[in-house]
Amino acid sequence: MLFNSITFLLFFPTICVLYFCIPATRIQARNLFLLLASYYFYMNWEPAYALLLLTSTIVTYIAALGIGRFDEKRKKRLCLVSSLVLNLAILFLFKYYNFLASNIEWAIRASGLGMDIPEFSLLLPVGISFYTFQALGYSIDVYRGTTKVERDFPTYALFVSFFPQLVAGPIERSTNLLPQFKQRHSFNYEGAMAGIRLMVWGYFLKLVLADRCGLYVDSIFNHVDEHNGGSYLVASLLFPFQIYGDFAGYSFIAIGVARVLGFRLMENFRRPYFACTFGDFWRRWHISLSTWFKDYVYIPLGGNRVSSIRNYFNLLVTFIVSGIWHGANWTFFCWGTLHGVLLCIEKGLGINKQKYTGVKKLCHCAVTFVLVSYAWILFRSNNLSDFHTISMGLFTNMGIPYTQDVGWGVLCASFGAILLVVVKDLSVEYNWKIASLTTNHQILQYAYISFLIAAISLLGVFGNNQFIYFQF
């Protein structure tokens, strides 16, 4: 069930009404209702894949019980390792097996040998990377002793499957979300309005910014050989905002939906294109994932508590794994590697330790944005060959950008939406008064929401376009 579908616009208000009709004192009944609603939400894609979600939930639940039961560290570690192996094996089978098999087969044939490796026709379950990492994070936290074992299975199952953030995050931590399922949540008007503001802004980012930019971006990146450098340049400028609008839009909607119900999810985006360095960018972009990799990959490898060379190695490995997390394609591997290399260079030069203001800050923001945008070309390219074609032709064979199918109106609307988003983010980044007016004054709050709804109605692209991160 997509957030940007009529089905969800009917589903969510119904869930809200029924949820708040259950007395706040009956916490377990409310949790059971949300659990059933979450599984219904997920099963709208493919009912059979709910079994994978349930399997991951059961495995991590039992592993946590074992960790809590045993006193011997060896037995605790065995429970944790079992949870990690079983969950990652499922993720590997559905997401990476065919990619690895095809590359091994290619390498064998390149060496002159003939060998066929069987492949499976498996549809990638929506959100499998997100809920797997969330469940594994719980197992690790229980092992570390930072989270108590949750013995009530429905409550834990709801933590793994909570529908607002189930399929594309934020990847929640057990220390934040799990305790909230044991609290009473009464309807709060201010909280509900704050949630609605976030939802409407998220819908604007998705339907107006992302999907309108996507009309042009897809027409270029899906037919690379048919276009010139001017088209590559425009598409490369639009894609950073398409993916920001698409993914941040989903996150804002998810956080807003949870807020209306009385739950607080972690912040996932913090105006990333105002970052001065790559390190700053990753403190602002997909925060729930970057902190997950920091806590569960980078720090266990030794973090920065080791020699400089080992620290660079840890940083590079973390970002290579992050790239692979995004998908089974060499483009994602190279994208993660590129970010890791740039972060190592930045760290080696001490750029990440400096504070920037004024013109110097503006210059660093511009350089960071350009480098991030170039890396996004690699991320968006269908394969490395397309990336090479775009890279070589980006500033050559310049001509009038392609507009035959999409028209100049799409480009004008796209850049108009970008301008609005930049101004809005600027107002928040630098604490302009206009940023607080839409939250502190009721009339202006309604005017702000009405303006966004009108913009969505006039400029939004409707057609139930799937969110980009659903494929991860």
Protein backbone atom coordinates (compact mmCIF):
# COMPACT_ATOMS: atom_id res chain seq x y z
CA MET A 1 0.00 0.00 0.00
CA LEU A 2 1.63 3.21 -1.17
CA PHE A 3 1.42 6.40 0.89
CA ASN A 4 0.56 8.25 -2.32
CA SER A 5 -2.50 6.11 -3.11
CA ILE A 6 -6.22 6.56 -2.58
CA THR A 7 -6.19 3.29 -0.65
CA PHE A 8 -3.85 4.73 1.98
CA LEU A 9 -5.80 7.99 2.19
CA LEU A 10 -8.80 5.86 3.17
CA PHE A 11 -6.80 3.41 5.30
CA PHE A 12 -5.03 5.92 7.56
CA PRO A 13 -8.03 7.95 8.81
CA THR A 14 -9.89 4.70 9.46
CA ILE A 15 -6.98 3.37 11.51
CA CYS A 16 -6.76 6.63 13.48
CA VAL A 17 -10.46 6.63 14.37
CA LEU A 18 -10.50 2.96 15.38
CA TYR A 19 -7.22 3.27 17.31
CA PHE A 20 -8.42 6.18 19.43
CA CYS A 21 -11.79 4.51 19.95
CA ILE A 22 -9.97 1.81 21.93
CA PRO A 23 -9.52 3.13 25.51
CA ALA A 24 -5.99 4.41 26.17
CA THR A 25 -5.81 2.16 29.23
CA ARG A 26 -6.08 -0.94 27.04
CA ILE A 27 -2.54 -0.73 25.71
CA GLN A 28 -2.28 -4.38 24.66
CA ALA A 29 -5.54 -4.18 22.70
CA ARG A 30 -4.29 -1.07 20.90
CA ASN A 31 -0.97 -2.74 20.12
CA LEU A 32 -2.71 -5.83 18.77
CA PHE A 33 -4.90 -3.61 16.58
CA LEU A 34 -1.86 -1.75 15.20
CA LEU A 35 -0.10 -5.08 14.62
CA LEU A 36 -3.00 -6.40 12.53
CA ALA A 37 -3.23 -3.08 10.67
CA SER A 38 0.53 -3.17 9.96
CA TYR A 39 0.39 -6.69 8.53
CA TYR A 40 -2.65 -5.75 6.42
CA PHE A 41 -0.72 -2.70 5.17
CA TYR A 42 2.28 -4.87 4.21
CA MET A 43 0.24 -7.71 2.69
CA ASN A 44 -1.27 -5.29 0.17
CA TRP A 45 1.92 -5.75 -1.87
CA GLU A 46 2.32 -9.53 -1.73
CA PRO A 47 0.62 -11.51 1.07
CA ALA A 48 3.15 -14.35 0.92
CA TYR A 49 6.03 -12.06 1.86
CA ALA A 50 4.41 -11.37 5.22
CA LEU A 51 5.79 -14.82 6.10
CA LEU A 52 9.33 -13.44 5.69
CA LEU A 53 8.50 -10.52 7.95
CA LEU A 54 7.06 -12.93 10.51
CA THR A 55 10.09 -15.24 10.20
CA SER A 56 12.52 -12.40 10.87
CA THR A 57 10.40 -11.33 13.83
CA ILE A 58 10.27 -14.84 15.34
CA VAL A 59 13.99 -15.49 14.85
CA THR A 60 15.10 -12.24 16.51
CA TYR A 61 12.48 -12.64 19.28
CA ILE A 62 13.68 -16.15 20.18
CA ALA A 63 17.34 -15.11 19.92
CA ALA A 64 16.74 -12.23 22.35
CA LEU A 65 15.00 -14.58 24.78
CA GLY A 66 18.03 -16.87 24.61
CA ILE A 67 20.44 -13.98 25.18
CA GLY A 68 18.41 -12.94 28.22
CA ARG A 69 18.18 -16.47 29.58
CA PHE A 70 21.78 -17.64 29.40
CA ASP A 71 24.55 -16.38 31.68
CA GLU A 72 27.46 -17.78 29.70
CA LYS A 73 28.84 -15.32 27.17
CA ARG A 74 29.48 -18.12 24.69
CA LYS A 75 25.80 -19.12 24.65
CA LYS A 76 24.71 -15.49 24.40
CA ARG A 77 27.01 -15.02 21.42
CA LEU A 78 25.67 -18.18 19.81
CA CYS A 79 22.11 -16.81 20.04
CA LEU A 80 23.20 -13.51 18.50
CA VAL A 81 25.20 -15.15 15.71
CA SER A 82 22.25 -17.45 14.91
CA SER A 83 19.97 -14.42 14.59
CA LEU A 84 22.47 -12.60 12.37
CA VAL A 85 23.15 -15.60 10.13
CA LEU A 86 19.51 -16.59 9.60
CA ASN A 87 18.31 -13.04 8.87
CA LEU A 88 21.23 -12.13 6.62
CA ALA A 89 20.85 -15.46 4.78
CA ILE A 90 17.26 -14.59 3.91
CA LEU A 91 18.33 -11.11 2.83
CA PHE A 92 21.16 -12.55 0.72
CA LEU A 93 18.91 -15.09 -1.01
CA PHE A 94 16.31 -12.57 -2.09
CA LYS A 95 18.55 -9.58 -2.75
CA TYR A 96 22.05 -10.72 -3.68
CA TYR A 97 22.12 -14.37 -4.73
CA ASN A 98 21.28 -13.88 -8.41
CA PHE A 99 23.73 -10.97 -8.70
CA LEU A 100 26.56 -12.99 -7.14
CA ALA A 101 25.69 -16.10 -9.19
CA SER A 102 25.70 -14.18 -12.49
CA ASN A 103 29.07 -12.56 -11.71
CA ILE A 104 30.66 -15.87 -10.69
CA GLU A 105 29.31 -17.46 -13.88
CA TRP A 106 30.73 -14.58 -15.96
CA ALA A 107 34.16 -14.96 -14.28
CA ILE A 108 34.21 -18.72 -14.88
CA ARG A 109 33.29 -18.33 -18.55
CA ALA A 110 35.87 -15.55 -18.96
CA SER A 111 38.51 -18.01 -17.78
CA GLY A 112 37.52 -20.40 -20.58
CA LEU A 113 35.43 -22.80 -18.55
CA GLY A 114 31.78 -23.58 -19.11
CA MET A 115 29.51 -23.67 -16.10
CA ASP A 116 25.91 -22.72 -15.41
CA ILE A 117 24.96 -21.55 -11.92
CA PRO A 118 21.23 -21.78 -11.22
CA GLU A 119 19.34 -18.56 -10.56
CA PHE A 120 16.01 -18.04 -8.84
CA SER A 121 13.11 -15.94 -10.07
CA LEU A 122 12.40 -14.19 -6.79
CA LEU A 123 10.67 -10.84 -6.44
CA LEU A 124 12.47 -8.63 -3.91
CA PRO A 125 10.16 -8.24 -0.91
CA VAL A 126 9.32 -4.60 -0.23
CA GLY A 127 11.23 -3.17 2.74
CA ILE A 128 13.21 -6.34 3.51
CA SER A 129 16.46 -4.43 4.13
CA PHE A 130 14.73 -1.99 6.46
CA TYR A 131 12.87 -4.38 8.74
CA THR A 132 15.79 -6.86 8.76
CA PHE A 133 18.19 -4.18 9.99
CA GLN A 134 15.68 -2.95 12.56
CA ALA A 135 15.20 -6.46 13.95
CA LEU A 136 18.94 -7.17 13.95
CA GLY A 137 19.58 -3.89 15.75
CA TYR A 138 17.28 -5.10 18.52
CA SER A 139 19.17 -8.42 18.80
CA ILE A 140 22.50 -6.60 19.05
CA ASP A 141 21.16 -4.10 21.61
CA VAL A 142 19.87 -6.94 23.80
CA TYR A 143 23.27 -8.67 23.54
CA ARG A 144 25.05 -5.45 24.50
CA GLY A 145 22.68 -4.90 27.40
CA THR A 146 21.39 -1.52 26.18
CA THR A 147 17.87 -2.89 25.67
CA LYS A 148 15.87 -5.20 27.91
CA VAL A 149 14.42 -8.37 26.43
CA GLU A 150 10.84 -7.83 25.22
CA ARG A 151 8.93 -10.92 26.31
CA ASP A 152 5.52 -9.87 24.98
CA PHE A 153 5.56 -11.16 21.40
CA PRO A 154 2.76 -8.95 19.95
CA THR A 155 4.52 -5.84 21.27
CA TYR A 156 7.84 -6.90 19.76
CA ALA A 157 6.18 -7.92 16.49
CA LEU A 158 4.62 -4.44 16.30
CA PHE A 159 8.05 -2.88 16.82
CA VAL A 160 9.38 -4.73 13.76
CA SER A 161 6.29 -4.16 11.58
CA PHE A 162 4.93 -0.73 12.63
CA PHE A 163 3.35 0.35 9.34
CA PRO A 164 4.41 4.03 9.07
CA GLN A 165 8.11 3.12 8.84
CA LEU A 166 7.94 -0.54 7.86
CA VAL A 167 8.97 -0.43 4.20
CA ALA A 168 11.35 2.54 3.94
CA GLY A 169 12.28 3.65 7.43
CA PRO A 170 13.35 5.45 9.45
CA ILE A 171 15.16 2.35 10.74
CA GLU A 172 14.09 2.67 14.35
CA ARG A 173 16.04 1.72 17.46
CA SER A 174 14.55 -0.45 20.16
CA THR A 175 15.61 2.13 22.75
CA ASN A 176 13.37 4.75 21.12
CA LEU A 177 10.32 3.05 19.63
CA LEU A 178 9.81 -0.09 21.71
CA PRO A 179 9.11 1.72 25.02
CA GLN A 180 6.49 3.88 23.28
CA PHE A 181 4.29 0.82 22.70
CA LYS A 182 3.95 0.52 26.47
CA GLN A 183 2.76 4.09 26.96
CA ARG A 184 -0.75 5.50 26.86
CA HIS A 185 -1.40 7.67 23.83
CA SER A 186 -4.37 10.02 23.98
CA PHE A 187 -5.39 12.11 21.01
CA ASN A 188 -3.49 15.40 21.07
CA TYR A 189 -4.60 18.19 18.75
CA GLU A 190 -1.21 19.94 18.61
CA GLY A 191 0.59 16.67 18.00
CA ALA A 192 -1.91 15.72 15.30
CA MET A 193 -1.50 19.08 13.55
CA ALA A 194 2.29 18.76 13.71
CA GLY A 195 1.96 15.32 12.15
CA ILE A 196 -0.35 16.59 9.41
CA ARG A 197 2.09 19.42 8.58
CA LEU A 198 4.86 16.86 8.18
CA MET A 199 2.64 14.62 6.06
CA VAL A 200 1.57 17.42 3.71
CA TRP A 201 5.18 18.59 3.33
CA GLY A 202 6.18 15.00 2.61
CA TYR A 203 3.48 14.68 -0.04
CA PHE A 204 4.69 17.93 -1.63
CA LEU A 205 8.26 16.61 -1.74
CA LYS A 206 7.13 13.33 -3.30
CA LEU A 207 4.36 14.35 -5.71
CA VAL A 208 5.59 17.78 -6.82
CA LEU A 209 9.36 17.77 -6.36
CA ALA A 210 10.40 14.13 -6.80
CA ASP A 211 7.86 12.82 -9.29
CA ARG A 212 8.00 15.92 -11.50
CA CYS A 213 11.81 15.89 -11.57
CA GLY A 214 11.57 12.15 -12.18
CA LEU A 215 9.69 12.67 -15.45
CA TYR A 216 12.77 14.28 -16.95
CA VAL A 217 15.43 12.26 -15.09
CA ASP A 218 13.95 8.91 -16.14
CA SER A 219 13.64 9.98 -19.78
CA ILE A 220 17.40 10.68 -19.85
CA PHE A 221 18.91 7.98 -17.61
CA ASN A 222 16.80 5.21 -19.14
CA HIS A 223 17.90 6.15 -22.69
CA VAL A 224 21.45 7.40 -22.19
CA ASP A 225 22.69 6.76 -25.74
CA GLU A 226 20.00 8.98 -27.25
CA HIS A 227 20.94 12.26 -25.52
CA ASN A 228 23.59 14.99 -25.40
CA GLY A 229 25.64 16.70 -22.71
CA GLY A 230 23.01 19.38 -22.11
CA SER A 231 20.43 16.73 -21.27
CA TYR A 232 22.92 14.89 -19.02
CA LEU A 233 23.68 18.10 -17.15
CA VAL A 234 20.03 19.00 -16.53
CA ALA A 235 19.15 15.45 -15.47
CA SER A 236 22.18 15.36 -13.16
CA LEU A 237 21.01 18.60 -11.52
CA LEU A 238 17.47 17.32 -11.09
CA PHE A 239 18.21 13.84 -9.72
CA PRO A 240 19.70 15.00 -6.38
CA PHE A 241 16.41 16.75 -5.71
CA GLN A 242 14.35 13.87 -7.05
CA ILE A 243 15.91 11.37 -4.66
CA TYR A 244 15.80 13.88 -1.79
CA GLY A 245 12.14 14.65 -2.42
CA ASP A 246 11.30 10.97 -2.85
CA PHE A 247 13.06 9.57 0.19
CA ALA A 248 12.77 12.54 2.55
CA GLY A 249 9.15 12.83 1.42
CA TYR A 250 8.49 9.25 2.53
CA SER A 251 10.27 9.87 5.84
CA PHE A 252 8.28 13.03 6.58
CA ILE A 253 5.01 11.24 5.79
CA ALA A 254 6.03 8.28 7.98
CA ILE A 255 7.05 10.51 10.89
CA GLY A 256 3.86 12.54 10.46
CA VAL A 257 1.61 9.47 10.39
CA ALA A 258 3.24 8.14 13.56
CA ARG A 259 2.96 11.58 15.19
CA VAL A 260 -0.80 11.73 14.58
CA LEU A 261 -1.09 8.38 16.38
CA GLY A 262 1.03 9.71 19.24
CA PHE A 263 4.40 8.11 18.41
CA ARG A 264 7.68 9.89 17.78
CA LEU A 265 10.01 8.43 15.16
CA MET A 266 13.60 9.54 14.81
CA GLU A 267 14.60 12.32 12.42
CA ASN A 268 15.83 10.92 9.12
CA PHE A 269 16.76 14.01 7.06
CA ARG A 270 18.17 17.35 8.19
CA ARG A 271 18.57 19.56 5.13
CA PRO A 272 21.46 17.49 3.68
CA TYR A 273 22.34 19.77 0.77
CA PHE A 274 23.44 22.48 3.20
CA ALA A 275 26.25 20.21 4.39
CA CYS A 276 29.77 21.71 4.30
CA THR A 277 31.59 18.37 4.23
CA PHE A 278 30.88 14.75 3.37
CA GLY A 279 30.89 13.87 7.05
CA ASP A 280 28.32 16.60 7.62
CA PHE A 281 26.28 15.27 4.69
CA TRP A 282 26.04 11.82 6.28
CA ARG A 283 24.96 13.37 9.56
CA ARG A 284 22.05 14.88 7.65
CA TRP A 285 21.16 12.26 5.01
CA HIS A 286 19.32 9.01 5.89
CA ILE A 287 20.31 9.54 9.51
CA SER A 288 18.74 6.30 10.73
CA LEU A 289 20.85 4.22 8.32
CA SER A 290 24.11 6.14 8.72
CA THR A 291 23.88 5.90 12.53
CA TRP A 292 22.95 2.18 12.21
CA PHE A 293 26.13 1.50 10.25
CA LYS A 294 28.13 3.63 12.67
CA ASP A 295 26.85 1.77 15.74
CA TYR A 296 26.73 -1.77 14.35
CA VAL A 297 29.54 -1.86 11.73
CA TYR A 298 32.01 1.03 12.09
CA ILE A 299 32.40 0.98 15.89
CA PRO A 300 32.61 -2.86 16.16
CA LEU A 301 35.40 -2.73 13.55
CA GLY A 302 37.29 -0.43 15.89
CA GLY A 303 35.94 2.95 14.79
CA ASN A 304 38.50 5.70 15.34
CA ARG A 305 40.02 4.04 18.41
CA VAL A 306 42.69 2.41 16.23
CA SER A 307 45.62 3.50 14.06
CA SER A 308 45.00 6.01 11.28
CA ILE A 309 45.39 3.41 8.53
CA ARG A 310 43.01 1.00 10.27
CA ASN A 311 40.56 3.86 10.84
CA TYR A 312 40.55 4.64 7.11
CA PHE A 313 40.01 0.95 6.43
CA ASN A 314 37.06 0.85 8.86
CA LEU A 315 35.54 3.93 7.25
CA LEU A 316 35.95 2.54 3.73
CA VAL A 317 34.51 -0.88 4.63
CA THR A 318 31.51 0.75 6.32
CA PHE A 319 30.64 2.75 3.22
CA ILE A 320 31.23 -0.16 0.86
CA VAL A 321 28.76 -2.18 2.94
CA SER A 322 26.40 0.81 2.89
CA GLY A 323 26.61 0.90 -0.90
CA ILE A 324 25.92 -2.84 -1.17
CA TRP A 325 22.94 -2.43 1.20
CA HIS A 326 21.30 -0.24 -1.43
CA GLY A 327 21.20 -2.97 -4.03
CA ALA A 328 22.82 -5.76 -5.99
CA ASN A 329 24.51 -3.69 -8.68
CA TRP A 330 28.10 -2.62 -9.26
CA THR A 331 26.90 0.98 -9.41
CA PHE A 332 25.91 0.84 -5.72
CA PHE A 333 29.19 -0.82 -4.77
CA CYS A 334 31.15 1.91 -6.56
CA TRP A 335 28.89 4.64 -5.15
CA GLY A 336 29.54 3.48 -1.59
CA THR A 337 33.27 3.13 -2.31
CA LEU A 338 33.41 6.66 -3.76
CA HIS A 339 31.79 8.12 -0.66
CA GLY A 340 34.18 6.14 1.54
CA VAL A 341 37.23 7.37 -0.39
CA LEU A 342 36.05 11.00 -0.27
CA LEU A 343 35.44 10.73 3.49
CA CYS A 344 38.94 9.28 3.98
CA ILE A 345 40.47 12.14 1.96
CA GLU A 346 38.44 14.65 3.93
CA LYS A 347 39.55 13.09 7.21
CA GLY A 348 43.19 12.91 6.12
CA LEU A 349 43.23 16.61 5.20
CA GLY A 350 41.46 17.57 8.43
CA ILE A 351 38.61 19.20 6.54
CA ASN A 352 36.05 17.48 8.73
CA LYS A 353 37.41 19.13 11.91
CA GLN A 354 37.11 22.73 10.74
CA LYS A 355 34.16 25.05 11.28
CA TYR A 356 33.00 27.14 8.38
CA THR A 357 31.18 30.47 8.29
CA GLY A 358 30.36 33.14 5.75
CA VAL A 359 31.76 32.89 2.24
CA LYS A 360 34.02 29.97 3.19
CA LYS A 361 30.98 27.98 4.33
CA LEU A 362 29.13 28.82 1.12
CA CYS A 363 32.08 27.62 -0.99
CA HIS A 364 32.41 24.36 0.94
CA CYS A 365 28.66 23.76 0.68
CA ALA A 366 28.85 24.30 -3.08
CA VAL A 367 31.83 21.93 -3.51
CA THR A 368 30.17 19.27 -1.34
CA PHE A 369 26.93 19.55 -3.30
CA VAL A 370 28.74 19.19 -6.63
CA LEU A 371 30.63 16.10 -5.47
CA VAL A 372 27.53 14.54 -3.91
CA SER A 373 25.59 15.23 -7.12
CA TYR A 374 28.30 13.60 -9.21
CA ALA A 375 28.14 10.54 -6.99
CA TRP A 376 24.35 10.52 -7.46
CA ILE A 377 24.93 10.03 -11.22
CA LEU A 378 26.66 6.76 -10.36
CA PHE A 379 23.82 5.83 -8.00
CA ARG A 380 21.13 6.52 -10.62
CA SER A 381 22.87 4.96 -13.63
CA ASN A 382 21.44 1.61 -14.64
CA ASN A 383 24.94 0.21 -15.08
CA LEU A 384 28.59 1.28 -15.13
CA SER A 385 28.53 1.64 -18.91
CA ASP A 386 25.78 4.27 -18.67
CA PHE A 387 27.73 6.07 -15.95
CA HIS A 388 30.81 6.15 -18.18
CA THR A 389 28.77 7.52 -21.09
CA ILE A 390 27.27 10.29 -18.97
CA SER A 391 30.59 11.16 -17.32
CA MET A 392 32.37 11.44 -20.66
CA GLY A 393 29.56 13.42 -22.30
CA LEU A 394 28.55 15.64 -19.38
CA PHE A 395 30.41 18.72 -20.60
CA THR A 396 30.87 17.78 -24.23
CA ASN A 397 28.49 17.76 -27.15
CA MET A 398 26.51 20.45 -25.36
CA GLY A 399 23.19 21.27 -26.92
CA ILE A 400 19.64 22.17 -26.07
CA PRO A 401 18.36 19.80 -23.36
CA TYR A 402 15.91 17.17 -24.51
CA THR A 403 12.27 18.21 -24.04
CA GLN A 404 10.41 16.31 -26.75
CA ASP A 405 8.32 14.05 -24.49
CA VAL A 406 8.34 15.96 -21.21
CA GLY A 407 8.17 19.56 -22.40
CA TRP A 408 9.61 22.81 -21.01
CA GLY A 409 6.69 23.01 -18.60
CA VAL A 410 8.00 20.00 -16.68
CA LEU A 411 11.44 21.59 -16.36
CA CYS A 412 10.02 24.94 -15.24
CA ALA A 413 7.76 23.26 -12.66
CA SER A 414 10.68 21.12 -11.45
CA PHE A 415 13.01 24.06 -10.90
CA GLY A 416 10.17 26.04 -9.33
CA ALA A 417 9.61 23.24 -6.82
CA ILE A 418 13.37 23.08 -6.16
CA LEU A 419 13.42 26.83 -5.46
CA LEU A 420 10.54 26.52 -2.99
CA VAL A 421 12.20 23.62 -1.16
CA VAL A 422 15.55 25.45 -0.99
CA VAL A 423 13.90 28.59 0.44
CA LYS A 424 11.95 26.56 2.99
CA ASP A 425 15.03 24.62 4.09
CA LEU A 426 17.04 27.85 4.24
CA SER A 427 14.44 29.36 6.58
CA VAL A 428 14.80 26.41 8.94
CA GLU A 429 18.60 26.13 8.61
CA TYR A 430 19.13 29.77 9.54
CA ASN A 431 16.14 30.18 11.89
CA TRP A 432 14.29 32.76 9.86
CA LYS A 433 11.13 34.04 11.53
CA ILE A 434 8.98 32.75 8.68
CA ALA A 435 9.90 29.18 9.69
CA SER A 436 8.28 29.54 13.12
CA LEU A 437 5.24 31.48 11.90
CA THR A 438 3.73 28.40 10.22
CA THR A 439 3.90 26.44 13.48
CA ASN A 440 3.15 29.07 16.14
CA HIS A 441 0.21 30.88 14.54
CA GLN A 442 -2.91 28.84 13.85
CA ILE A 443 -4.20 30.92 10.92
CA LEU A 444 -0.81 30.88 9.19
CA GLN A 445 -0.55 27.17 9.93
CA TYR A 446 -3.79 26.52 8.08
CA ALA A 447 -2.70 28.85 5.28
CA TYR A 448 0.61 26.98 4.94
CA ILE A 449 -1.12 23.60 4.76
CA SER A 450 -3.72 24.94 2.31
CA PHE A 451 -0.98 26.38 0.07
CA LEU A 452 0.85 23.05 -0.05
CA ILE A 453 -2.35 21.14 -0.78
CA ALA A 454 -3.16 23.57 -3.60
CA ALA A 455 0.36 23.19 -5.02
CA ILE A 456 0.07 19.41 -4.85
CA SER A 457 -3.32 19.51 -6.58
CA LEU A 458 -2.05 21.75 -9.39
CA LEU A 459 1.49 20.46 -9.90
CA GLY A 460 1.55 16.98 -8.40
CA VAL A 461 2.16 13.92 -10.54
CA PHE A 462 -0.54 11.40 -9.74
CA GLY A 463 -0.27 7.77 -10.74
CA ASN A 464 0.77 5.90 -7.62
CA ASN A 465 4.47 6.20 -8.48
CA GLN A 466 6.47 3.90 -6.23
CA PHE A 467 9.06 5.36 -3.87
CA ILE A 468 12.67 4.89 -5.00
CA TYR A 469 13.82 3.30 -1.74
CA PHE A 470 11.20 0.55 -1.92
CA GLN A 471 13.65 -1.34 -4.15
CA PHE A 472 16.20 -1.42 -1.33
